[in-house]
C-alpha atoms as a PDB file:
ATOM      1  CA  MET A   1      12.075 -15.631 -20.004  1.00  0.00           C
ATOM      2  CA  LYS A   2      14.603 -12.943 -19.047  1.00  0.00           C
ATOM      3  CA  ASN A   3      12.154 -10.536 -17.354  1.00  0.00           C
ATOM      4  CA  PHE A   4       8.453 -10.758 -16.520  1.00  0.00           C
ATOM      5  CA  THR A   5       6.478  -7.552 -17.000  1.00  0.00           C
ATOM      6  CA  SER A   6       3.611  -8.626 -19.285  1.00  0.00           C
ATOM      7  CA  VAL A   7       2.237 -11.563 -21.263  1.00  0.00           C
ATOM      8  CA  ASN A   8       4.584 -10.495 -24.064  1.00  0.00           C
ATOM      9  CA  ASP A   9       7.490 -11.902 -22.031  1.00  0.00           C
ATOM     10  CA  VAL A  10       5.922 -15.375 -22.084  1.00  0.00           C
ATOM     11  CA  SER A  11       7.007 -17.547 -24.997  1.00  0.00           C
ATOM     12  CA  ASN A  12       4.658 -20.445 -24.195  1.00  0.00           C
ATOM     13  CA  LEU A  13       1.576 -19.481 -22.198  1.00  0.00           C
ATOM     14  CA  PRO A  14      -0.010 -22.977 -22.092  1.00  0.00           C
ATOM     15  CA  ALA A  15       3.254 -24.387 -20.718  1.00  0.00           C
ATOM     16  CA  LEU A  16       3.459 -21.683 -18.051  1.00  0.00           C
ATOM     17  CA  LEU A  17      -0.138 -22.373 -16.991  1.00  0.00           C
ATOM     18  CA  ASP A  18       0.621 -26.091 -16.883  1.00  0.00           C
ATOM     19  CA  MET A  19       3.675 -25.450 -14.709  1.00  0.00           C
ATOM     20  CA  ALA A  20       1.619 -23.352 -12.266  1.00  0.00           C
ATOM     21  CA  ALA A  21      -0.932 -26.180 -12.029  1.00  0.00           C
ATOM     22  CA  ARG A  22       1.844 -28.703 -11.362  1.00  0.00           C
ATOM     23  CA  TYR A  23       3.236 -26.570  -8.538  1.00  0.00           C
ATOM     24  CA  LYS A  24      -0.234 -26.398  -7.032  1.00  0.00           C
ATOM     25  CA  LYS A  25      -0.297 -30.199  -6.882  1.00  0.00           C
ATOM     26  CA  ASP A  26       3.283 -30.536  -5.659  1.00  0.00           C
ATOM     27  CA  PRO A  27       4.680 -27.262  -4.243  1.00  0.00           C
ATOM     28  CA  GLY A  28       8.037 -28.759  -3.280  1.00  0.00           C
ATOM     29  CA  MET A  29       8.889 -30.616  -6.468  1.00  0.00           C
ATOM     30  CA  ASP A  30      11.659 -28.102  -7.340  1.00  0.00           C
ATOM     31  CA  ARG A  31      12.728 -27.210  -3.824  1.00  0.00           C
ATOM     32  CA  THR A  32      16.420 -27.025  -4.765  1.00  0.00           C
ATOM     33  CA  LEU A  33      16.030 -25.065  -8.014  1.00  0.00           C
ATOM     34  CA  GLY A  34      16.690 -21.736  -6.293  1.00  0.00           C
ATOM     35  CA  GLN A  35      19.104 -23.001  -3.671  1.00  0.00           C
ATOM     36  CA  HIS A  36      21.807 -20.448  -2.762  1.00  0.00           C
ATOM     37  CA  LYS A  37      19.939 -17.742  -4.711  1.00  0.00           C
ATOM     38  CA  ARG A  38      18.231 -14.634  -3.407  1.00  0.00           C
ATOM     39  CA  ILE A  39      15.232 -12.611  -4.609  1.00  0.00           C
ATOM     40  CA  GLY A  40      14.704  -8.989  -3.570  1.00  0.00           C
ATOM     41  CA  LEU A  41      11.103  -7.781  -3.392  1.00  0.00           C
ATOM     42  CA  LEU A  42      10.866  -3.996  -3.632  1.00  0.00           C
ATOM     43  CA  PHE A  43       7.563  -2.332  -2.806  1.00  0.00           C
ATOM     44  CA  PHE A  44       6.851   1.289  -3.695  1.00  0.00           C
ATOM     45  CA  ASN A  45       3.267   0.844  -2.493  1.00  0.00           C
ATOM     46  CA  PRO A  46       1.635  -1.554  -0.021  1.00  0.00           C
ATOM     47  CA  SER A  47       0.750  -5.155  -0.724  1.00  0.00           C
ATOM     48  CA  MET A  48      -0.557  -8.186   1.095  1.00  0.00           C
ATOM     49  CA  ARG A  49      -1.250 -10.978  -1.420  1.00  0.00           C
ATOM     50  CA  THR A  50       1.554 -10.048  -3.824  1.00  0.00           C
ATOM     51  CA  ARG A  51       4.139  -9.839  -1.079  1.00  0.00           C
ATOM     52  CA  LEU A  52       3.185 -12.996   0.799  1.00  0.00           C
ATOM     53  CA  SER A  53       2.484 -15.176  -2.239  1.00  0.00           C
ATOM     54  CA  THR A  54       5.813 -14.282  -3.861  1.00  0.00           C
ATOM     55  CA  GLN A  55       7.719 -14.935  -0.643  1.00  0.00           C
ATOM     56  CA  ILE A  56       6.060 -18.342  -0.314  1.00  0.00           C
ATOM     57  CA  ALA A  57       6.724 -19.139  -3.977  1.00  0.00           C
ATOM     58  CA  ALA A  58      10.416 -18.277  -3.622  1.00  0.00           C
ATOM     59  CA  SER A  59      10.666 -20.364  -0.446  1.00  0.00           C
ATOM     60  CA  ASN A  60       9.095 -23.339  -2.222  1.00  0.00           C
ATOM     61  CA  LEU A  61      11.943 -23.136  -4.736  1.00  0.00           C
ATOM     62  CA  GLY A  62      14.635 -22.933  -2.052  1.00  0.00           C
ATOM     63  CA  MET A  63      15.313 -19.205  -2.476  1.00  0.00           C
ATOM     64  CA  GLU A  64      15.826 -16.589   0.194  1.00  0.00           C
ATOM     65  CA  ALA A  65      13.388 -13.694  -0.186  1.00  0.00           C
ATOM     66  CA  ILE A  66      14.139 -10.259   1.247  1.00  0.00           C
ATOM     67  CA  VAL A  67      11.422  -7.591   1.295  1.00  0.00           C
ATOM     68  CA  PHE A  68      12.231  -3.878   1.154  1.00  0.00           C
ATOM     69  CA  ASN A  69       9.514  -1.214   1.433  1.00  0.00           C
ATOM     70  CA  VAL A  70      11.207   1.528  -0.537  1.00  0.00           C
ATOM     71  CA  GLY A  71       9.021   4.454   0.456  1.00  0.00           C
ATOM     72  CA  GLN A  72       9.146   3.702   4.175  1.00  0.00           C
ATOM     73  CA  GLU A  73      12.581   2.176   4.671  1.00  0.00           C
ATOM     74  CA  GLY A  74      14.811   3.774   2.045  1.00  0.00           C
ATOM     75  CA  TRP A  75      15.722   6.977   0.287  1.00  0.00           C
ATOM     76  CA  ALA A  76      13.385   8.556  -2.235  1.00  0.00           C
ATOM     77  CA  LEU A  77      14.592   7.415  -5.659  1.00  0.00           C
ATOM     78  CA  GLU A  78      15.040   9.616  -8.718  1.00  0.00           C
ATOM     79  CA  PHE A  79      14.202   8.087 -12.118  1.00  0.00           C
ATOM     80  CA  GLY A  80      14.750  11.033 -14.462  1.00  0.00           C
ATOM     81  CA  GLU A  81      17.826  10.522 -16.639  1.00  0.00           C
ATOM     82  CA  ASP A  82      19.359  14.004 -16.555  1.00  0.00           C
ATOM     83  CA  THR A  83      17.719  15.433 -13.454  1.00  0.00           C
ATOM     84  CA  ILE A  84      19.567  17.946 -11.304  1.00  0.00           C
ATOM     85  CA  MET A  85      18.963  16.372  -7.915  1.00  0.00           C
ATOM     86  CA  ASN A  86      18.384  19.467  -5.830  1.00  0.00           C
ATOM     87  CA  GLY A  87      14.860  18.460  -4.747  1.00  0.00           C
ATOM     88  CA  THR A  88      13.362  15.817  -2.495  1.00  0.00           C
ATOM     89  CA  THR A  89      14.880  12.737  -4.149  1.00  0.00           C
ATOM     90  CA  VAL A  90      18.100  11.532  -2.542  1.00  0.00           C
ATOM     91  CA  GLU A  91      19.349   8.601  -4.623  1.00  0.00           C
ATOM     92  CA  HIS A  92      19.285   7.969  -8.376  1.00  0.00           C
ATOM     93  CA  ILE A  93      18.102   4.686  -9.842  1.00  0.00           C
ATOM     94  CA  ARG A  94      21.362   4.506 -11.843  1.00  0.00           C
ATOM     95  CA  ASP A  95      23.252   4.278  -8.549  1.00  0.00           C
ATOM     96  CA  ALA A  96      20.812   2.129  -6.582  1.00  0.00           C
ATOM     97  CA  ALA A  97      19.856  -0.520  -9.160  1.00  0.00           C
ATOM     98  CA  PRO A  98      23.384  -1.830  -9.912  1.00  0.00           C
ATOM     99  CA  VAL A  99      23.975  -2.343  -6.189  1.00  0.00           C
ATOM    100  CA  LEU A 100      20.730  -4.298  -5.902  1.00  0.00           C
ATOM    101  CA  GLY A 101      21.926  -6.314  -8.866  1.00  0.00           C
ATOM    102  CA  ARG A 102      24.938  -7.362  -6.793  1.00  0.00           C
ATOM    103  CA  TYR A 103      22.854  -8.219  -3.728  1.00  0.00           C
ATOM    104  CA  PHE A 104      20.237 -10.338  -5.520  1.00  0.00           C
ATOM    105  CA  ASP A 105      19.810 -12.851  -8.322  1.00  0.00           C
ATOM    106  CA  ILE A 106      16.275 -11.707  -9.201  1.00  0.00           C
ATOM    107  CA  LEU A 107      14.412  -8.485  -8.406  1.00  0.00           C
ATOM    108  CA  GLY A 108      10.645  -8.196  -7.951  1.00  0.00           C
ATOM    109  CA  VAL A 109       9.421  -4.601  -8.196  1.00  0.00           C
ATOM    110  CA  ARG A 110       5.983  -3.212  -7.371  1.00  0.00           C
ATOM    111  CA  THR A 111       5.368   0.342  -8.552  1.00  0.00           C
ATOM    112  CA  PHE A 112       2.216   2.432  -8.782  1.00  0.00           C
ATOM    113  CA  PRO A 113       0.961   5.088 -11.212  1.00  0.00           C
ATOM    114  CA  SER A 114       0.650   8.743 -10.286  1.00  0.00           C
ATOM    115  CA  LEU A 115      -2.710   8.924 -12.140  1.00  0.00           C
ATOM    116  CA  LYS A 116      -1.673  12.502 -13.016  1.00  0.00           C
ATOM    117  CA  ASN A 117       0.596  12.135 -16.042  1.00  0.00           C
ATOM    118  CA  LYS A 118      -0.595   9.500 -18.522  1.00  0.00           C
ATOM    119  CA  SER A 119       2.445   9.563 -20.784  1.00  0.00           C
ATOM    120  CA  GLU A 120       4.774   9.209 -17.803  1.00  0.00           C
ATOM    121  CA  ASP A 121       2.781   6.367 -16.249  1.00  0.00           C
ATOM    122  CA  TYR A 122       2.328   4.490 -19.519  1.00  0.00           C
ATOM    123  CA  SER A 123       6.034   4.763 -20.323  1.00  0.00           C
ATOM    124  CA  GLU A 124       6.641   2.433 -17.337  1.00  0.00           C
ATOM    125  CA  GLN A 125       9.729   4.444 -16.512  1.00  0.00           C
ATOM    126  CA  ALA A 126      10.304   3.029 -13.025  1.00  0.00           C
ATOM    127  CA  ILE A 127      10.267  -0.689 -13.816  1.00  0.00           C
ATOM    128  CA  ASN A 128      12.103  -0.158 -17.114  1.00  0.00           C
ATOM    129  CA  GLN A 129      14.882   1.677 -15.282  1.00  0.00           C
ATOM    130  CA  PHE A 130      15.324  -1.280 -12.936  1.00  0.00           C
ATOM    131  CA  ILE A 131      15.550  -3.587 -15.953  1.00  0.00           C
ATOM    132  CA  ARG A 132      18.050  -1.265 -17.609  1.00  0.00           C
ATOM    133  CA  TYR A 133      20.409  -0.758 -14.681  1.00  0.00           C
ATOM    134  CA  ALA A 134      20.104  -3.726 -12.298  1.00  0.00           C
ATOM    135  CA  GLY A 135      21.687  -6.245 -14.641  1.00  0.00           C
ATOM    136  CA  ILE A 136      19.554  -9.126 -13.318  1.00  0.00           C
ATOM    137  CA  PRO A 137      16.056 -10.459 -14.179  1.00  0.00           C
ATOM    138  CA  VAL A 138      13.167  -8.258 -13.027  1.00  0.00           C
ATOM    139  CA  ILE A 139       9.662  -9.472 -12.207  1.00  0.00           C
ATOM    140  CA  SER A 140       6.765  -7.018 -12.133  1.00  0.00           C
ATOM    141  CA  LEU A 141       4.843  -7.309  -8.878  1.00  0.00           C
ATOM    142  CA  GLU A 142       2.500  -4.693 -10.420  1.00  0.00           C
ATOM    143  CA  SER A 143       3.439  -1.701 -12.490  1.00  0.00           C
ATOM    144  CA  ALA A 144       1.844   1.568 -13.551  1.00  0.00           C
ATOM    145  CA  THR A 145      -0.166  -0.145 -16.290  1.00  0.00           C
ATOM    146  CA  LEU A 146      -0.151  -3.924 -15.707  1.00  0.00           C
ATOM    147  CA  HIS A 147      -0.373  -6.641 -13.042  1.00  0.00           C
ATOM    148  CA  PRO A 148       0.883  -9.793 -14.803  1.00  0.00           C
ATOM    149  CA  LEU A 149       1.204 -12.133 -11.807  1.00  0.00           C
ATOM    150  CA  GLN A 150      -2.438 -11.444 -10.946  1.00  0.00           C
ATOM    151  CA  SER A 151      -3.509 -12.121 -14.529  1.00  0.00           C
ATOM    152  CA  LEU A 152      -1.590 -15.392 -14.700  1.00  0.00           C
ATOM    153  CA  ALA A 153      -3.354 -16.531 -11.524  1.00  0.00           C
ATOM    154  CA  ASP A 154      -6.684 -15.438 -13.015  1.00  0.00           C
ATOM    155  CA  LEU A 155      -6.189 -17.538 -16.148  1.00  0.00           C
ATOM    156  CA  MET A 156      -5.074 -20.465 -14.013  1.00  0.00           C
ATOM    157  CA  THR A 157      -8.256 -20.153 -11.934  1.00  0.00           C
ATOM    158  CA  MET A 158     -10.535 -20.125 -14.973  1.00  0.00           C
ATOM    159  CA  GLN A 159      -8.703 -22.865 -16.870  1.00  0.00           C
ATOM    160  CA  ALA A 160      -9.008 -25.292 -13.947  1.00  0.00           C
ATOM    161  CA  LEU A 161     -12.813 -24.993 -14.118  1.00  0.00           C
ATOM    162  CA  LEU A 162     -13.266 -25.281 -17.895  1.00  0.00           C
ATOM    163  CA  PRO A 163     -15.156 -28.349 -19.144  1.00  0.00           C
ATOM    164  CA  ALA A 164     -13.322 -30.039 -22.004  1.00  0.00           C
ATOM    165  CA  GLY A 165     -14.102 -28.433 -25.338  1.00  0.00           C
ATOM    166  CA  HIS A 166     -16.115 -25.550 -23.855  1.00  0.00           C
ATOM    167  CA  LYS A 167     -15.337 -22.017 -25.018  1.00  0.00           C
ATOM    168  CA  PRO A 168     -16.234 -19.817 -22.046  1.00  0.00           C
ATOM    169  CA  LYS A 169     -17.712 -16.360 -22.130  1.00  0.00           C
ATOM    170  CA  VAL A 170     -15.563 -14.104 -19.954  1.00  0.00           C
ATOM    171  CA  VAL A 171     -16.834 -10.673 -18.936  1.00  0.00           C
ATOM    172  CA  LEU A 172     -14.736  -7.909 -17.416  1.00  0.00           C
ATOM    173  CA  THR A 173     -17.119  -5.405 -15.898  1.00  0.00           C
ATOM    174  CA  TRP A 174     -16.328  -1.990 -14.461  1.00  0.00           C
ATOM    175  CA  ALA A 175     -17.515  -1.371 -10.893  1.00  0.00           C
ATOM    176  CA  PRO A 176     -18.071   1.783  -8.830  1.00  0.00           C
ATOM    177  CA  HIS A 177     -15.561   2.840  -6.185  1.00  0.00           C
ATOM    178  CA  VAL A 178     -14.979   5.570  -3.607  1.00  0.00           C
ATOM    179  CA  LYS A 179     -11.819   6.837  -5.333  1.00  0.00           C
ATOM    180  CA  PRO A 180     -10.156   6.663  -8.753  1.00  0.00           C
ATOM    181  CA  LEU A 181      -8.081   3.513  -9.229  1.00  0.00           C
ATOM    182  CA  PRO A 182      -5.463   2.664 -11.887  1.00  0.00           C
ATOM    183  CA  GLN A 183      -6.212   0.687 -15.026  1.00  0.00           C
ATOM    184  CA  CYS A 184      -3.459  -1.878 -14.184  1.00  0.00           C
ATOM    185  CA  VAL A 185      -5.561  -4.944 -13.322  1.00  0.00           C
ATOM    186  CA  ALA A 186      -8.130  -4.339 -16.051  1.00  0.00           C
ATOM    187  CA  ASN A 187      -5.453  -3.696 -18.707  1.00  0.00           C
ATOM    188  CA  SER A 188      -3.573  -6.800 -17.666  1.00  0.00           C
ATOM    189  CA  PHE A 189      -6.600  -9.086 -17.494  1.00  0.00           C
ATOM    190  CA  ALA A 190      -7.642  -7.956 -20.972  1.00  0.00           C
ATOM    191  CA  GLN A 191      -4.155  -8.503 -22.368  1.00  0.00           C
ATOM    192  CA  TRP A 192      -3.844 -12.008 -20.895  1.00  0.00           C
ATOM    193  CA  VAL A 193      -7.355 -13.203 -21.843  1.00  0.00           C
ATOM    194  CA  ASN A 194      -6.760 -12.054 -25.415  1.00  0.00           C
ATOM    195  CA  ALA A 195      -3.407 -13.873 -25.478  1.00  0.00           C
ATOM    196  CA  TRP A 196      -5.027 -16.995 -23.943  1.00  0.00           C
ATOM    197  CA  GLY A 197      -7.366 -17.130 -26.944  1.00  0.00           C
ATOM    198  CA  LYS A 198      -9.803 -19.594 -25.375  1.00  0.00           C
ATOM    199  CA  ALA A 199     -12.702 -17.287 -24.551  1.00  0.00           C
ATOM    200  CA  GLU A 200     -15.407 -15.089 -25.934  1.00  0.00           C
ATOM    201  CA  PHE A 201     -14.296 -11.907 -24.206  1.00  0.00           C
ATOM    202  CA  VAL A 202     -16.504  -8.919 -23.393  1.00  0.00           C
ATOM    203  CA  ILE A 203     -15.606  -5.714 -21.551  1.00  0.00           C
ATOM    204  CA  ALA A 204     -18.484  -3.685 -20.088  1.00  0.00           C
ATOM    205  CA  HIS A 205     -18.101  -0.158 -18.761  1.00  0.00           C
ATOM    206  CA  PRO A 206     -19.976   3.148 -18.580  1.00  0.00           C
ATOM    207  CA  LYS A 207     -19.480   5.667 -21.367  1.00  0.00           C
ATOM    208  CA  GLY A 208     -16.197   7.525 -21.070  1.00  0.00           C
ATOM    209  CA  LEU A 209     -14.341   4.716 -19.310  1.00  0.00           C
ATOM    210  CA  ASP A 210     -12.781   2.919 -22.275  1.00  0.00           C
ATOM    211  CA  LEU A 211      -9.445   1.264 -21.614  1.00  0.00           C
ATOM    212  CA  SER A 212      -6.396   1.646 -23.848  1.00  0.00           C
ATOM    213  CA  LYS A 213      -6.823  -0.222 -27.139  1.00  0.00           C
ATOM    214  CA  GLU A 214      -3.235  -1.404 -26.704  1.00  0.00           C
ATOM    215  CA  PHE A 215      -4.563  -3.939 -24.199  1.00  0.00           C
ATOM    216  CA  THR A 216      -8.185  -4.512 -25.245  1.00  0.00           C
ATOM    217  CA  ASN A 217      -7.913  -5.298 -28.963  1.00  0.00           C
ATOM    218  CA  GLY A 218      -9.684  -8.611 -29.471  1.00  0.00           C
ATOM    219  CA  ALA A 219     -12.411  -7.977 -26.877  1.00  0.00           C
ATOM    220  CA  HIS A 220     -15.985  -6.934 -27.586  1.00  0.00           C
ATOM    221  CA  MET A 221     -16.690  -3.594 -25.908  1.00  0.00           C
ATOM    222  CA  THR A 222     -20.103  -2.547 -24.617  1.00  0.00           C
ATOM    223  CA  THR A 223     -21.688   0.028 -22.317  1.00  0.00           C
ATOM    224  CA  ASN A 224     -24.596  -2.314 -21.551  1.00  0.00           C
ATOM    225  CA  GLN A 225     -23.642  -4.348 -18.483  1.00  0.00           C
ATOM    226  CA  GLN A 226     -26.719  -6.547 -18.406  1.00  0.00           C
ATOM    227  CA  GLU A 227     -26.362  -7.446 -22.066  1.00  0.00           C
ATOM    228  CA  ALA A 228     -22.737  -8.363 -21.452  1.00  0.00           C
ATOM    229  CA  MET A 229     -23.677 -10.651 -18.559  1.00  0.00           C
ATOM    230  CA  GLU A 230     -25.981 -12.902 -20.596  1.00  0.00           C
ATOM    231  CA  GLY A 231     -24.537 -16.404 -20.780  1.00  0.00           C
ATOM    232  CA  ALA A 232     -21.295 -15.448 -19.010  1.00  0.00           C
ATOM    233  CA  ASP A 233     -19.234 -18.231 -17.443  1.00  0.00           C
ATOM    234  CA  PHE A 234     -16.872 -15.883 -15.588  1.00  0.00           C
ATOM    235  CA  VAL A 235     -17.539 -12.308 -14.477  1.00  0.00           C
ATOM    236  CA  TYR A 236     -14.490 -10.317 -13.403  1.00  0.00           C
ATOM    237  CA  VAL A 237     -15.353  -7.207 -11.381  1.00  0.00           C
ATOM    238  CA  LYS A 238     -12.935  -4.272 -11.228  1.00  0.00           C
ATOM    239  CA  ASN A 239     -12.977  -0.507 -10.944  1.00  0.00           C
ATOM    240  CA  TRP A 240     -10.712   1.665 -13.061  1.00  0.00           C
ATOM    241  CA  SER A 241     -10.463   5.411 -13.532  1.00  0.00           C
ATOM    242  CA  SER A 242     -10.689   7.193 -16.854  1.00  0.00           C
ATOM    243  CA  PHE A 243      -7.947   6.585 -19.404  1.00  0.00           C
ATOM    244  CA  GLN A 244      -9.097   9.421 -21.655  1.00  0.00           C
ATOM    245  CA  ASP A 245      -9.634  12.021 -18.912  1.00  0.00           C
ATOM    246  CA  TYR A 246      -6.685  10.481 -17.161  1.00  0.00           C
ATOM    247  CA  GLY A 247      -7.049   9.514 -13.514  1.00  0.00           C
ATOM    248  CA  VAL A 248     -10.543  10.980 -13.094  1.00  0.00           C
ATOM    249  CA  LEU A 249     -13.077   8.802 -11.278  1.00  0.00           C
ATOM    250  CA  GLY A 250     -15.570   9.370 -14.084  1.00  0.00           C
ATOM    251  CA  PRO A 251     -19.296   8.602 -14.065  1.00  0.00           C
ATOM    252  CA  ASN A 252     -19.317   6.697 -10.775  1.00  0.00           C
ATOM    253  CA  ASP A 253     -22.690   5.026 -11.341  1.00  0.00           C
ATOM    254  CA  ALA A 254     -23.647   2.957  -8.285  1.00  0.00           C
ATOM    255  CA  SER A 255     -26.030   0.884 -10.411  1.00  0.00           C
ATOM    256  CA  TRP A 256     -23.003  -0.908 -11.909  1.00  0.00           C
ATOM    257  CA  MET A 257     -22.334  -2.782  -8.653  1.00  0.00           C
ATOM    258  CA  LEU A 258     -22.574  -6.522  -9.318  1.00  0.00           C
ATOM    259  CA  THR A 259     -25.510  -8.161  -7.522  1.00  0.00           C
ATOM    260  CA  PRO A 260     -27.075 -11.637  -7.339  1.00  0.00           C
ATOM    261  CA  GLU A 261     -29.943 -10.353  -9.486  1.00  0.00           C
ATOM    262  CA  LYS A 262     -27.579  -9.486 -12.337  1.00  0.00           C
ATOM    263  CA  MET A 263     -26.008 -12.944 -12.199  1.00  0.00           C
ATOM    264  CA  LYS A 264     -29.305 -14.671 -13.028  1.00  0.00           C
ATOM    265  CA  THR A 265     -28.764 -14.334 -16.778  1.00  0.00           C
ATOM    266  CA  THR A 266     -25.263 -15.853 -16.672  1.00  0.00           C
ATOM    267  CA  ASN A 267     -24.369 -19.484 -17.385  1.00  0.00           C
ATOM    268  CA  HIS A 268     -24.082 -20.314 -13.683  1.00  0.00           C
ATOM    269  CA  GLY A 269     -21.379 -17.652 -13.798  1.00  0.00           C
ATOM    270  CA  ARG A 270     -18.483 -17.533 -11.378  1.00  0.00           C
ATOM    271  CA  VAL A 271     -17.506 -14.195  -9.832  1.00  0.00           C
ATOM    272  CA  MET A 272     -13.904 -12.939  -9.806  1.00  0.00           C
ATOM    273  CA  HIS A 273     -12.095 -10.000  -8.201  1.00  0.00           C
ATOM    274  CA  CYS A 274      -8.389  -9.442  -7.527  1.00  0.00           C
ATOM    275  CA  LEU A 275      -8.873  -8.126  -3.951  1.00  0.00           C
ATOM    276  CA  PRO A 276      -8.957  -5.984  -1.933  1.00  0.00           C
ATOM    277  CA  VAL A 277     -12.630  -5.329  -2.655  1.00  0.00           C
ATOM    278  CA  ARG A 278     -15.046  -2.699  -1.367  1.00  0.00           C
ATOM    279  CA  ARG A 279     -17.951  -4.838  -0.221  1.00  0.00           C
ATOM    280  CA  ASN A 280     -21.370  -3.600  -1.293  1.00  0.00           C
ATOM    281  CA  VAL A 281     -19.769  -0.865  -3.387  1.00  0.00           C
ATOM    282  CA  GLU A 282     -18.007  -2.788  -6.152  1.00  0.00           C
ATOM    283  CA  LEU A 283     -19.534  -6.153  -5.465  1.00  0.00           C
ATOM    284  CA  SER A 284     -22.393  -7.487  -3.365  1.00  0.00           C
ATOM    285  CA  GLY A 285     -21.338  -9.115  -0.124  1.00  0.00           C
ATOM    286  CA  LYS A 286     -23.833 -11.888  -0.848  1.00  0.00           C
ATOM    287  CA  LEU A 287     -21.936 -12.763  -4.016  1.00  0.00           C
ATOM    288  CA  LEU A 288     -18.561 -12.570  -2.313  1.00  0.00           C
ATOM    289  CA  ASP A 289     -19.710 -14.985   0.383  1.00  0.00           C
ATOM    290  CA  GLY A 290     -21.713 -17.202  -1.954  1.00  0.00           C
ATOM    291  CA  PRO A 291     -20.857 -20.371  -3.894  1.00  0.00           C
ATOM    292  CA  SER A 292     -20.185 -18.521  -7.160  1.00  0.00           C
ATOM    293  CA  SER A 293     -17.257 -16.553  -5.719  1.00  0.00           C
ATOM    294  CA  LEU A 294     -13.738 -17.427  -6.884  1.00  0.00           C
ATOM    295  CA  VAL A 295     -11.918 -14.590  -5.115  1.00  0.00           C
ATOM    296  CA  THR A 296     -10.240 -16.800  -2.496  1.00  0.00           C
ATOM    297  CA  GLU A 297      -9.181 -19.331  -5.131  1.00  0.00           C
ATOM    298  CA  GLN A 298      -7.695 -16.542  -7.272  1.00  0.00           C
ATOM    299  CA  ALA A 299      -5.704 -15.250  -4.312  1.00  0.00           C
ATOM    300  CA  ALA A 300      -4.496 -18.732  -3.405  1.00  0.00           C
ATOM    301  CA  ASN A 301      -3.358 -19.305  -6.976  1.00  0.00           C
ATOM    302  CA  ARG A 302      -1.098 -16.270  -6.749  1.00  0.00           C
ATOM    303  CA  VAL A 303       1.503 -18.525  -5.061  1.00  0.00           C
ATOM    304  CA  TRP A 304       1.598 -21.000  -7.946  1.00  0.00           C
ATOM    305  CA  ALA A 305       1.616 -18.271 -10.594  1.00  0.00           C
ATOM    306  CA  ALA A 306       4.608 -16.618  -8.933  1.00  0.00           C
ATOM    307  CA  GLN A 307       6.350 -19.962  -8.449  1.00  0.00           C
ATOM    308  CA  ALA A 308       5.976 -20.822 -12.140  1.00  0.00           C
ATOM    309  CA  VAL A 309       7.415 -17.462 -13.223  1.00  0.00           C
ATOM    310  CA  ILE A 310      10.355 -17.539 -10.788  1.00  0.00           C
ATOM    311  CA  ALA A 311      11.148 -21.136 -11.774  1.00  0.00           C
ATOM    312  CA  GLU A 312      11.099 -20.249 -15.462  1.00  0.00           C
ATOM    313  CA  ILE A 313      13.578 -17.429 -14.862  1.00  0.00           C
ATOM    314  CA  LEU A 314      15.800 -19.607 -12.677  1.00  0.00           C
ATOM    315  CA  ARG A 315      15.975 -22.305 -15.359  1.00  0.00           C
ATOM    316  CA  LYS A 316      17.141 -19.723 -17.894  1.00  0.00           C
ATOM    317  CA  MET A 317      19.895 -18.639 -15.506  1.00  0.00           C
ATOM    318  CA  VAL A 318      21.481 -22.110 -15.307  1.00  0.00           C
END
């Protein structure tokens, strides 16, 4: 694994999941693997779980982690190739990235979509420019379209609870929100579950809120949430804005909030969400605080997912 931006960078997904599970049992088993190496974590938008879990993961491997909040602590970066820089941007990625490549051994980069220009967001210009010019491995800490570390932790969470030989039904259901959110987590979860290949996978959403087929091919799509929930083993709750009418909140139907009543037709279904969550908007507080909730376990598993990815990259560097 040279870089980590999607499931497509993973050559052996079962092995990566197994490694994450091993780190969960013994966090310090490779404590010298990253000795005398440094990882830079660049954030273009805020984070709590991604930042802290990746720092802990790097520390468990003996690495030094340095966090840099680009928007607050540095110059505004320009990503356009032939831009005349007479506007608000001060430094070009072609100048900044090679320097970062000298400071660090690995870069983690968290970007965020504009939700205004679909072709620009879905080109993943920002993270691809870091890969192009930094000259060192780049890990996506979330990008304009995907959140692979979250998805790896999600698969790890589900796999640990699977009875032997059982093919689970996994449902990704849209949820209402107070503002339009990116498709990153939903795209990524769909991509990784399809690659996992162990589940009956259903995506439920209101009309007009289809995700990109690039990430959902292999899933059954429906606009009937209750039908989707029947017999579900895992129900992943997430809001996303319109892909077709790009960035628009869309039909923000409050009746799509997940409630205990809706869970009655599941197969003792477990509830998942990537956090942060709008309580009693996206997801009932009773479910979040109840025994079916996996949200804390998912967040905890972010450490082991990140540790497995960093370790895989470090081993390729030797």
